[in-house]
Amino acid sequence: MAATTLLTSDRFLALPEEFDQFGSRIKDELIGGEIVRTALPSYFHDRIKNRINRLLILYLHGNSHLPFDAVVEIGAQVSDYDTFVPDVAIVKTGEQSLSSRIYRGAPEIAIEVVSPSDTAKHLERKVDAYLQGGAKSVWIVFPEARSVTVHTRESAHKLKGDQTITDPLLPGFSSPVAAFFELT
């Protein structure tokens, strides 16, 4: 049985971009040194991602003294073998060059909206890599269950419905989990 050679983030980022028959960029991530191709997100998935980003942008607008920005689908080289595209990320402003192709390091908060093509193994690997790479927390959003599991280095806790999501990195931010799914 031949051993699988793991790809480094630097080699992954040097690969040419691929496009589908419609000219859309094919999205893939490097998880533990293996390229994982992701399916196009659904409209529902994109609406949830944008709703969460909007809530965070409104909070940051009212707290402009905080050195953070909320971004959608930023490429992040989290480690030597992990390069992800979190659905939403809270990153420090002014820390990296705006001309960089990719964010170097883990976002302060990484938010992943689970798609049907995501596997538990990949999600677990991503959470571990984000936290080991320096993320303060990772929010895994489950659209079907309308829940969020917040992971930190110390714990993981699941929130649903009217339970409030907060984060020490964002003092004063609070939102019922249900607000993430209010799409009308």
Protein backbone atom coordinates (compact mmCIF):
# COMPACT_ATOMS: atom_id res chain seq x y z
CA MET A 1 0.00 0.00 0.00
CA ALA A 2 1.51 3.33 -1.06
CA ALA A 3 1.74 6.16 1.45
CA THR A 4 -0.19 9.30 0.64
CA THR A 5 1.96 12.39 0.30
CA LEU A 6 0.48 15.35 2.10
CA LEU A 7 0.35 18.65 0.29
CA THR A 8 1.62 21.74 2.06
CA SER A 9 -0.37 24.97 2.13
CA ASP A 10 2.34 26.71 0.09
CA ARG A 11 2.17 24.06 -2.67
CA PHE A 12 -1.64 24.11 -2.54
CA LEU A 13 -1.71 27.89 -2.97
CA ALA A 14 0.70 27.63 -5.92
CA LEU A 15 -1.68 25.37 -7.85
CA PRO A 16 -3.52 27.07 -10.72
CA GLU A 17 -7.13 28.00 -10.03
CA GLU A 18 -9.75 25.77 -11.63
CA PHE A 19 -13.05 26.84 -13.15
CA ASP A 20 -16.21 24.95 -14.03
CA GLN A 21 -17.95 24.98 -17.42
CA PHE A 22 -19.75 28.21 -16.47
CA GLY A 23 -16.56 30.06 -15.57
CA SER A 24 -17.15 29.89 -11.82
CA ARG A 25 -14.09 29.24 -9.68
CA ILE A 26 -14.09 25.76 -8.18
CA LYS A 27 -13.76 26.09 -4.43
CA ASP A 28 -11.56 23.70 -2.56
CA GLU A 29 -9.77 23.64 0.76
CA LEU A 30 -6.69 21.92 2.12
CA ILE A 31 -7.62 19.92 5.20
CA GLY A 32 -4.78 18.10 6.92
CA GLY A 33 -2.72 18.13 3.72
CA GLU A 34 -5.49 16.72 1.50
CA ILE A 35 -7.41 18.71 -1.09
CA VAL A 36 -11.14 18.63 -0.37
CA ARG A 37 -13.41 19.89 -3.11
CA THR A 38 -16.56 21.57 -1.84
CA ALA A 39 -19.91 21.72 -3.57
CA LEU A 40 -21.45 25.03 -4.54
CA PRO A 41 -23.36 26.34 -1.53
CA SER A 42 -27.12 26.43 -1.65
CA TYR A 43 -29.08 29.66 -1.68
CA PHE A 44 -30.22 28.85 1.89
CA HIS A 45 -26.58 28.40 2.98
CA ASP A 46 -25.53 31.71 1.41
CA ARG A 47 -28.45 33.56 3.00
CA ILE A 48 -27.51 32.26 6.46
CA LYS A 49 -23.85 33.16 5.92
CA ASN A 50 -24.78 36.67 4.82
CA ARG A 51 -27.24 37.10 7.70
CA ILE A 52 -24.55 36.23 10.25
CA ASN A 53 -22.10 38.57 8.53
CA ARG A 54 -24.67 41.38 8.55
CA LEU A 55 -25.27 40.96 12.30
CA LEU A 56 -21.53 41.08 12.94
CA ILE A 57 -20.98 44.10 10.68
CA LEU A 58 -23.76 46.00 12.47
CA TYR A 59 -22.15 45.18 15.82
CA LEU A 60 -18.67 46.21 14.61
CA HIS A 61 -20.04 49.43 13.10
CA GLY A 62 -21.36 50.38 16.53
CA ASN A 63 -18.07 49.36 18.14
CA SER A 64 -15.59 50.96 15.76
CA HIS A 65 -12.96 51.10 18.51
CA LEU A 66 -12.49 47.32 18.13
CA PRO A 67 -9.73 46.38 15.66
CA PHE A 68 -11.80 43.80 13.78
CA ASP A 69 -13.56 43.32 10.50
CA ALA A 70 -16.17 40.75 9.48
CA VAL A 71 -15.51 39.15 6.10
CA VAL A 72 -17.19 36.50 3.99
CA GLU A 73 -15.20 33.65 2.42
CA ILE A 74 -11.69 34.89 3.09
CA GLY A 75 -8.97 32.42 2.20
CA ALA A 76 -6.97 31.62 5.33
CA GLN A 77 -3.71 29.71 5.52
CA VAL A 78 -4.23 28.35 9.01
CA SER A 79 -1.20 26.03 9.18
CA ASP A 80 1.40 24.35 6.99
CA TYR A 81 -1.22 21.76 5.95
CA ASP A 82 -4.51 23.61 6.35
CA THR A 83 -5.91 26.32 4.08
CA PHE A 84 -9.60 27.04 4.57
CA VAL A 85 -12.30 29.39 3.35
CA PRO A 86 -14.51 30.05 6.37
CA ASP A 87 -18.01 31.21 5.51
CA VAL A 88 -17.60 34.21 7.82
CA ALA A 89 -14.52 35.34 9.73
CA ILE A 90 -13.64 37.99 12.25
CA VAL A 91 -10.10 39.17 11.50
CA LYS A 92 -7.86 41.85 12.97
CA THR A 93 -7.70 44.94 10.81
CA GLY A 94 -4.37 46.41 9.78
CA GLU A 95 -2.47 43.25 10.64
CA GLN A 96 -1.90 42.04 7.09
CA SER A 97 -1.31 43.60 3.71
CA LEU A 98 -4.50 44.24 1.76
CA SER A 99 -2.67 43.14 -1.39
CA SER A 100 -2.07 39.61 -0.02
CA ARG A 101 -3.83 36.84 -1.88
CA ILE A 102 -4.66 35.06 1.35
CA TYR A 103 -4.94 35.75 5.07
CA ARG A 104 -1.97 34.22 6.89
CA GLY A 105 -3.04 32.53 10.11
CA ALA A 106 -6.37 31.67 11.64
CA PRO A 107 -9.09 34.31 11.92
CA GLU A 108 -9.91 35.45 15.44
CA ILE A 109 -13.35 33.85 15.03
CA ALA A 110 -14.05 31.35 12.24
CA ILE A 111 -17.68 30.64 11.36
CA GLU A 112 -18.56 27.62 9.24
CA VAL A 113 -22.08 27.04 7.96
CA VAL A 114 -22.46 23.29 7.51
CA SER A 115 -23.35 22.03 4.04
CA PRO A 116 -24.70 18.56 3.19
CA SER A 117 -21.28 17.72 1.66
CA ASP A 118 -19.38 18.48 4.90
CA THR A 119 -18.24 15.45 6.85
CA ALA A 120 -17.91 15.22 10.63
CA LYS A 121 -14.24 14.24 10.17
CA HIS A 122 -13.48 17.36 8.12
CA LEU A 123 -15.41 19.66 10.46
CA GLU A 124 -13.58 18.27 13.49
CA ARG A 125 -10.22 18.64 11.73
CA LYS A 126 -11.03 22.23 10.78
CA VAL A 127 -12.12 23.18 14.31
CA ASP A 128 -8.90 21.70 15.73
CA ALA A 129 -6.73 23.44 13.10
CA TYR A 130 -8.43 26.82 13.62
CA LEU A 131 -7.97 26.64 17.40
CA GLN A 132 -4.38 25.37 17.18
CA GLY A 133 -3.71 28.13 14.62
CA GLY A 134 -4.76 30.82 17.08
CA ALA A 135 -8.51 31.31 16.59
CA LYS A 136 -10.23 32.35 19.80
CA SER A 137 -13.42 30.53 18.84
CA VAL A 138 -15.05 28.58 16.03
CA TRP A 139 -18.78 28.72 15.44
CA ILE A 140 -20.23 25.72 13.58
CA VAL A 141 -23.68 26.62 12.27
CA PHE A 142 -26.11 23.78 11.56
CA PRO A 143 -28.89 25.08 9.25
CA GLU A 144 -31.06 21.96 9.43
CA ALA A 145 -31.05 21.88 13.24
CA ARG A 146 -31.03 25.69 13.45
CA SER A 147 -28.27 25.47 16.04
CA VAL A 148 -24.72 26.69 16.59
CA THR A 149 -21.92 24.91 18.42
CA VAL A 150 -19.29 27.31 19.74
CA HIS A 151 -15.84 25.78 20.16
CA THR A 152 -13.03 27.30 22.21
CA ARG A 153 -9.81 25.77 23.47
CA GLU A 154 -11.56 25.07 26.77
CA SER A 155 -15.00 23.86 25.73
CA ALA A 156 -17.73 23.39 23.18
CA HIS A 157 -21.36 24.25 23.77
CA LYS A 158 -24.43 23.96 21.62
CA LEU A 159 -27.00 26.75 21.36
CA LYS A 160 -30.49 26.76 19.82
CA GLY A 161 -33.52 28.97 19.42
CA ASP A 162 -33.66 31.87 21.84
CA GLN A 163 -30.38 30.91 23.50
CA THR A 164 -27.97 33.80 23.11
CA ILE A 165 -24.65 33.58 21.34
CA THR A 166 -21.94 35.79 22.78
CA ASP A 167 -18.17 35.86 22.44
CA PRO A 168 -15.59 37.35 24.81
CA LEU A 169 -13.75 38.77 21.79
CA LEU A 170 -16.84 40.84 20.97
CA PRO A 171 -17.86 42.55 24.23
CA GLY A 172 -21.53 43.41 24.22
CA PHE A 173 -22.35 41.32 21.15
CA SER A 174 -25.28 39.03 21.74
CA SER A 175 -27.79 37.52 19.40
CA PRO A 176 -30.35 34.78 19.78
CA VAL A 177 -29.31 31.87 17.61
CA ALA A 178 -32.72 32.03 15.92
CA ALA A 179 -31.74 35.43 14.45
CA PHE A 180 -29.10 33.65 12.31
CA PHE A 181 -31.95 31.91 10.50
CA GLU A 182 -34.39 34.83 10.12
CA LEU A 183 -34.21 35.16 6.35
CA THR A 184 -37.45 36.87 5.40
